[in-house]
Amino acid sequence: MHSSESAHIDCPYCGESLEVTIDGSVGQQEYIEDCQVCCKPIQFRVRVDADGESSIDVRSEDE
């Protein structure tokens, strides 16, 4: 993943599929962003490995 890229995730609360923009220039990051549909806070964990492959993990705040 390079600088900015869009990705699709499913909200852990309402299950809605969302398109989000991820900053891939940082190797690892964690942040909270509200769901665009139900407005509940989603915890994002983004990791980019040495080969540039990214993984995105989303969780609800109560997990």
PDB file of N, CA and C in Angstrom:
ATOM      1  N   MET A   1       0.855  -1.171   0.000  1.00  0.00           N
ATOM      2  CA  MET A   1       0.000   0.000   0.000  1.00  0.00           C
ATOM      3  C   MET A   1       0.893   1.223   0.000  1.00  0.00           C
ATOM      4  N   HIS A   2       0.622   2.154  -0.845  1.00  0.00           N
ATOM      5  CA  HIS A   2       1.419   3.372  -0.906  1.00  0.00           C
ATOM      6  C   HIS A   2       0.732   4.459  -0.107  1.00  0.00           C
ATOM      7  N   SER A   3       1.098   5.696  -0.296  1.00  0.00           N
ATOM      8  CA  SER A   3       0.625   6.776   0.577  1.00  0.00           C
ATOM      9  C   SER A   3      -0.841   6.652   0.977  1.00  0.00           C
ATOM     10  N   SER A   4      -1.769   7.048   0.143  1.00  0.00           N
ATOM     11  CA  SER A   4      -3.190   6.926   0.489  1.00  0.00           C
ATOM     12  C   SER A   4      -3.859   5.954  -0.462  1.00  0.00           C
ATOM     13  N   GLU A   5      -4.712   5.133   0.097  1.00  0.00           N
ATOM     14  CA  GLU A   5      -5.417   4.152  -0.713  1.00  0.00           C
ATOM     15  C   GLU A   5      -6.760   3.868  -0.060  1.00  0.00           C
ATOM     16  N   SER A   6      -7.758   3.612  -0.877  1.00  0.00           N
ATOM     17  CA  SER A   6      -9.055   3.282  -0.297  1.00  0.00           C
ATOM     18  C   SER A   6      -9.154   1.782  -0.086  1.00  0.00           C
ATOM     19  N   ALA A   7      -9.920   1.425   0.925  1.00  0.00           N
ATOM     20  CA  ALA A   7     -10.137   0.018   1.277  1.00  0.00           C
ATOM     21  C   ALA A   7     -11.590  -0.139   1.710  1.00  0.00           C
ATOM     22  N   HIS A   8     -12.089  -1.352   1.622  1.00  0.00           N
ATOM     23  CA  HIS A   8     -13.453  -1.643   2.053  1.00  0.00           C
ATOM     24  C   HIS A   8     -13.395  -2.446   3.346  1.00  0.00           C
ATOM     25  N   ILE A   9     -14.193  -2.018   4.313  1.00  0.00           N
ATOM     26  CA  ILE A   9     -14.294  -2.714   5.594  1.00  0.00           C
ATOM     27  C   ILE A   9     -15.776  -2.899   5.922  1.00  0.00           C
ATOM     28  N   ASP A  10     -16.072  -3.791   6.831  1.00  0.00           N
ATOM     29  CA  ASP A  10     -17.435  -3.960   7.331  1.00  0.00           C
ATOM     30  C   ASP A  10     -17.486  -3.420   8.750  1.00  0.00           C
ATOM     31  N   CYS A  11     -18.451  -2.575   9.045  1.00  0.00           N
ATOM     32  CA  CYS A  11     -18.604  -2.010  10.376  1.00  0.00           C
ATOM     33  C   CYS A  11     -18.875  -3.141  11.373  1.00  0.00           C
ATOM     34  N   PRO A  12     -18.121  -3.196  12.474  1.00  0.00           N
ATOM     35  CA  PRO A  12     -18.343  -4.258  13.460  1.00  0.00           C
ATOM     36  C   PRO A  12     -19.649  -4.087  14.245  1.00  0.00           C
ATOM     37  N   TYR A  13     -20.310  -2.955  14.113  1.00  0.00           N
ATOM     38  CA  TYR A  13     -21.577  -2.708  14.805  1.00  0.00           C
ATOM     39  C   TYR A  13     -22.778  -3.012  13.910  1.00  0.00           C
ATOM     40  N   CYS A  14     -22.875  -2.292  12.785  1.00  0.00           N
ATOM     41  CA  CYS A  14     -24.064  -2.417  11.942  1.00  0.00           C
ATOM     42  C   CYS A  14     -23.857  -3.348  10.745  1.00  0.00           C
ATOM     43  N   GLY A  15     -22.597  -3.740  10.463  1.00  0.00           N
ATOM     44  CA  GLY A  15     -22.313  -4.662   9.373  1.00  0.00           C
ATOM     45  C   GLY A  15     -22.266  -4.027   7.998  1.00  0.00           C
ATOM     46  N   GLU A  16     -22.488  -2.728   7.925  1.00  0.00           N
ATOM     47  CA  GLU A  16     -22.484  -2.029   6.642  1.00  0.00           C
ATOM     48  C   GLU A  16     -21.080  -2.029   6.034  1.00  0.00           C
ATOM     49  N   SER A  17     -20.991  -2.234   4.724  1.00  0.00           N
ATOM     50  CA  SER A  17     -19.714  -2.177   4.017  1.00  0.00           C
ATOM     51  C   SER A  17     -19.372  -0.706   3.766  1.00  0.00           C
ATOM     52  N   LEU A  18     -18.164  -0.310   4.156  1.00  0.00           N
ATOM     53  CA  LEU A  18     -17.748   1.090   4.040  1.00  0.00           C
ATOM     54  C   LEU A  18     -16.452   1.203   3.268  1.00  0.00           C
ATOM     55  N   GLU A  19     -16.301   2.282   2.518  1.00  0.00           N
ATOM     56  CA  GLU A  19     -15.039   2.579   1.866  1.00  0.00           C
ATOM     57  C   GLU A  19     -14.322   3.613   2.724  1.00  0.00           C
ATOM     58  N   VAL A  20     -13.091   3.300   3.109  1.00  0.00           N
ATOM     59  CA  VAL A  20     -12.295   4.200   3.939  1.00  0.00           C
ATOM     60  C   VAL A  20     -10.969   4.465   3.242  1.00  0.00           C
ATOM     61  N   THR A  21     -10.341   5.590   3.573  1.00  0.00           N
ATOM     62  CA  THR A  21      -9.030   5.926   3.033  1.00  0.00           C
ATOM     63  C   THR A  21      -7.991   5.635   4.099  1.00  0.00           C
ATOM     64  N   ILE A  22      -6.984   4.867   3.725  1.00  0.00           N
ATOM     65  CA  ILE A  22      -5.926   4.447   4.628  1.00  0.00           C
ATOM     66  C   ILE A  22      -4.616   5.093   4.206  1.00  0.00           C
ATOM     67  N   ASP A  23      -3.856   5.610   5.167  1.00  0.00           N
ATOM     68  CA  ASP A  23      -2.534   6.166   4.910  1.00  0.00           C
ATOM     69  C   ASP A  23      -1.512   5.043   5.047  1.00  0.00           C
ATOM     70  N   GLY A  24      -1.027   4.532   3.924  1.00  0.00           N
ATOM     71  CA  GLY A  24      -0.091   3.430   3.923  1.00  0.00           C
ATOM     72  C   GLY A  24       1.355   3.837   4.066  1.00  0.00           C
ATOM     73  N   SER A  25       1.627   5.122   4.208  1.00  0.00           N
ATOM     74  CA  SER A  25       3.012   5.573   4.343  1.00  0.00           C
ATOM     75  C   SER A  25       3.565   5.304   5.735  1.00  0.00           C
ATOM     76  N   VAL A  26       2.695   4.997   6.683  1.00  0.00           N
ATOM     77  CA  VAL A  26       3.098   4.682   8.048  1.00  0.00           C
ATOM     78  C   VAL A  26       3.057   3.160   8.195  1.00  0.00           C
ATOM     79  N   GLY A  27       4.114   2.564   8.721  1.00  0.00           N
ATOM     80  CA  GLY A  27       4.199   1.117   8.822  1.00  0.00           C
ATOM     81  C   GLY A  27       3.130   0.492   9.688  1.00  0.00           C
ATOM     82  N   GLN A  28       2.812   1.117  10.798  1.00  0.00           N
ATOM     83  CA  GLN A  28       1.800   0.575  11.703  1.00  0.00           C
ATOM     84  C   GLN A  28       1.076   1.741  12.364  1.00  0.00           C
ATOM     85  N   GLN A  29      -0.220   1.634  12.462  1.00  0.00           N
ATOM     86  CA  GLN A  29      -0.983   2.698  13.108  1.00  0.00           C
ATOM     87  C   GLN A  29      -2.275   2.149  13.689  1.00  0.00           C
ATOM     88  N   GLU A  30      -2.762   2.816  14.716  1.00  0.00           N
ATOM     89  CA  GLU A  30      -4.048   2.511  15.321  1.00  0.00           C
ATOM     90  C   GLU A  30      -4.782   3.833  15.515  1.00  0.00           C
ATOM     91  N   TYR A  31      -6.045   3.843  15.181  1.00  0.00           N
ATOM     92  CA  TYR A  31      -6.848   5.045  15.353  1.00  0.00           C
ATOM     93  C   TYR A  31      -8.319   4.673  15.404  1.00  0.00           C
ATOM     94  N   ILE A  32      -9.147   5.645  15.767  1.00  0.00           N
ATOM     95  CA  ILE A  32     -10.594   5.444  15.849  1.00  0.00           C
ATOM     96  C   ILE A  32     -11.268   6.386  14.859  1.00  0.00           C
ATOM     97  N   GLU A  33     -12.216   5.835  14.124  1.00  0.00           N
ATOM     98  CA  GLU A  33     -12.995   6.617  13.167  1.00  0.00           C
ATOM     99  C   GLU A  33     -14.451   6.184  13.298  1.00  0.00           C
ATOM    100  N   ASP A  34     -15.369   7.132  13.278  1.00  0.00           N
ATOM    101  CA  ASP A  34     -16.789   6.802  13.404  1.00  0.00           C
ATOM    102  C   ASP A  34     -17.323   6.188  12.118  1.00  0.00           C
ATOM    103  N   CYS A  35     -18.225   5.220  12.273  1.00  0.00           N
ATOM    104  CA  CYS A  35     -18.905   4.608  11.135  1.00  0.00           C
ATOM    105  C   CYS A  35     -19.709   5.686  10.415  1.00  0.00           C
ATOM    106  N   GLN A  36     -19.657   5.673   9.088  1.00  0.00           N
ATOM    107  CA  GLN A  36     -20.382   6.664   8.285  1.00  0.00           C
ATOM    108  C   GLN A  36     -21.887   6.425   8.290  1.00  0.00           C
ATOM    109  N   VAL A  37     -22.313   5.230   8.741  1.00  0.00           N
ATOM    110  CA  VAL A  37     -23.735   4.885   8.739  1.00  0.00           C
ATOM    111  C   VAL A  37     -24.336   4.994  10.138  1.00  0.00           C
ATOM    112  N   CYS A  38     -23.757   4.267  11.118  1.00  0.00           N
ATOM    113  CA  CYS A  38     -24.357   4.229  12.457  1.00  0.00           C
ATOM    114  C   CYS A  38     -23.663   5.155  13.463  1.00  0.00           C
ATOM    115  N   CYS A  39     -22.572   5.781  13.046  1.00  0.00           N
ATOM    116  CA  CYS A  39     -21.840   6.775  13.857  1.00  0.00           C
ATOM    117  C   CYS A  39     -21.146   6.202  15.099  1.00  0.00           C
ATOM    118  N   LYS A  40     -21.027   4.895  15.217  1.00  0.00           N
ATOM    119  CA  LYS A  40     -20.328   4.313  16.365  1.00  0.00           C
ATOM    120  C   LYS A  40     -18.828   4.263  16.076  1.00  0.00           C
ATOM    121  N   PRO A  41     -17.994   4.323  17.127  1.00  0.00           N
ATOM    122  CA  PRO A  41     -16.541   4.397  16.935  1.00  0.00           C
ATOM    123  C   PRO A  41     -15.928   3.037  16.574  1.00  0.00           C
ATOM    124  N   ILE A  42     -15.211   3.005  15.448  1.00  0.00           N
ATOM    125  CA  ILE A  42     -14.541   1.789  14.976  1.00  0.00           C
ATOM    126  C   ILE A  42     -13.051   1.939  15.257  1.00  0.00           C
ATOM    127  N   GLN A  43     -12.453   0.929  15.875  1.00  0.00           N
ATOM    128  CA  GLN A  43     -11.006   0.916  16.098  1.00  0.00           C
ATOM    129  C   GLN A  43     -10.340   0.293  14.875  1.00  0.00           C
ATOM    130  N   PHE A  44      -9.413   1.025  14.285  1.00  0.00           N
ATOM    131  CA  PHE A  44      -8.660   0.538  13.131  1.00  0.00           C
ATOM    132  C   PHE A  44      -7.246   0.188  13.559  1.00  0.00           C
ATOM    133  N   ARG A  45      -6.741  -0.936  13.067  1.00  0.00           N
ATOM    134  CA  ARG A  45      -5.322  -1.306  13.204  1.00  0.00           C
ATOM    135  C   ARG A  45      -4.827  -1.591  11.798  1.00  0.00           C
ATOM    136  N   VAL A  46      -3.870  -0.782  11.360  1.00  0.00           N
ATOM    137  CA  VAL A  46      -3.326  -0.923  10.013  1.00  0.00           C
ATOM    138  C   VAL A  46      -1.849  -1.276  10.135  1.00  0.00           C
ATOM    139  N   ARG A  47      -1.448  -2.301   9.399  1.00  0.00           N
ATOM    140  CA  ARG A  47      -0.040  -2.718   9.382  1.00  0.00           C
ATOM    141  C   ARG A  47       0.400  -2.896   7.938  1.00  0.00           C
ATOM    142  N   VAL A  48       1.618  -2.451   7.644  1.00  0.00           N
ATOM    143  CA  VAL A  48       2.208  -2.639   6.324  1.00  0.00           C
ATOM    144  C   VAL A  48       3.508  -3.395   6.531  1.00  0.00           C
ATOM    145  N   ASP A  49       3.647  -4.564   5.874  1.00  0.00           N
ATOM    146  CA  ASP A  49       4.854  -5.366   6.064  1.00  0.00           C
ATOM    147  C   ASP A  49       5.996  -4.874   5.168  1.00  0.00           C
ATOM    148  N   ALA A  50       7.134  -5.532   5.248  1.00  0.00           N
ATOM    149  CA  ALA A  50       8.333  -5.126   4.513  1.00  0.00           C
ATOM    150  C   ALA A  50       8.135  -5.182   2.996  1.00  0.00           C
ATOM    151  N   ASP A  51       7.217  -6.037   2.530  1.00  0.00           N
ATOM    152  CA  ASP A  51       6.934  -6.141   1.098  1.00  0.00           C
ATOM    153  C   ASP A  51       5.897  -5.134   0.624  1.00  0.00           C
ATOM    154  N   GLY A  52       5.388  -4.302   1.535  1.00  0.00           N
ATOM    155  CA  GLY A  52       4.380  -3.311   1.182  1.00  0.00           C
ATOM    156  C   GLY A  52       2.959  -3.833   1.229  1.00  0.00           C
ATOM    157  N   GLU A  53       2.786  -5.075   1.670  1.00  0.00           N
ATOM    158  CA  GLU A  53       1.444  -5.654   1.797  1.00  0.00           C
ATOM    159  C   GLU A  53       0.791  -5.129   3.078  1.00  0.00           C
ATOM    160  N   SER A  54      -0.449  -4.726   2.970  1.00  0.00           N
ATOM    161  CA  SER A  54      -1.135  -4.148   4.122  1.00  0.00           C
ATOM    162  C   SER A  54      -2.189  -5.089   4.679  1.00  0.00           C
ATOM    163  N   SER A  55      -2.484  -4.914   5.946  1.00  0.00           N
ATOM    164  CA  SER A  55      -3.595  -5.623   6.578  1.00  0.00           C
ATOM    165  C   SER A  55      -4.342  -4.612   7.438  1.00  0.00           C
ATOM    166  N   ILE A  56      -5.657  -4.720   7.417  1.00  0.00           N
ATOM    167  CA  ILE A  56      -6.513  -3.812   8.173  1.00  0.00           C
ATOM    168  C   ILE A  56      -7.404  -4.663   9.075  1.00  0.00           C
ATOM    169  N   ASP A  57      -7.396  -4.330  10.343  1.00  0.00           N
ATOM    170  CA  ASP A  57      -8.233  -5.024  11.320  1.00  0.00           C
ATOM    171  C   ASP A  57      -9.146  -3.979  11.946  1.00  0.00           C
ATOM    172  N   VAL A  58     -10.449  -4.214  11.953  1.00  0.00           N
ATOM    173  CA  VAL A  58     -11.392  -3.282  12.574  1.00  0.00           C
ATOM    174  C   VAL A  58     -12.120  -3.991  13.692  1.00  0.00           C
ATOM    175  N   ARG A  59     -12.356  -3.254  14.779  1.00  0.00           N
ATOM    176  CA  ARG A  59     -13.031  -3.803  15.954  1.00  0.00           C
ATOM    177  C   ARG A  59     -13.947  -2.756  16.569  1.00  0.00           C
ATOM    178  N   SER A  60     -14.907  -3.251  17.329  1.00  0.00           N
ATOM    179  CA  SER A  60     -15.744  -2.339  18.089  1.00  0.00           C
ATOM    180  C   SER A  60     -14.986  -1.956  19.351  1.00  0.00           C
ATOM    181  N   GLU A  61     -15.381  -0.881  19.997  1.00  0.00           N
ATOM    182  CA  GLU A  61     -14.685  -0.418  21.187  1.00  0.00           C
ATOM    183  C   GLU A  61     -14.825  -1.392  22.357  1.00  0.00           C
ATOM    184  N   ASP A  62     -15.876  -2.201  22.363  1.00  0.00           N
ATOM    185  CA  ASP A  62     -16.098  -3.095  23.486  1.00  0.00           C
ATOM    186  C   ASP A  62     -15.435  -4.464  23.333  1.00  0.00           C
ATOM    187  N   GLU A  63     -14.620  -4.670  22.296  1.00  0.00           N
ATOM    188  CA  GLU A  63     -13.893  -5.944  22.127  1.00  0.00           C
ATOM    189  C   GLU A  63     -12.555  -5.888  22.829  1.00  0.00           C
TER     190      GLU A  63
END
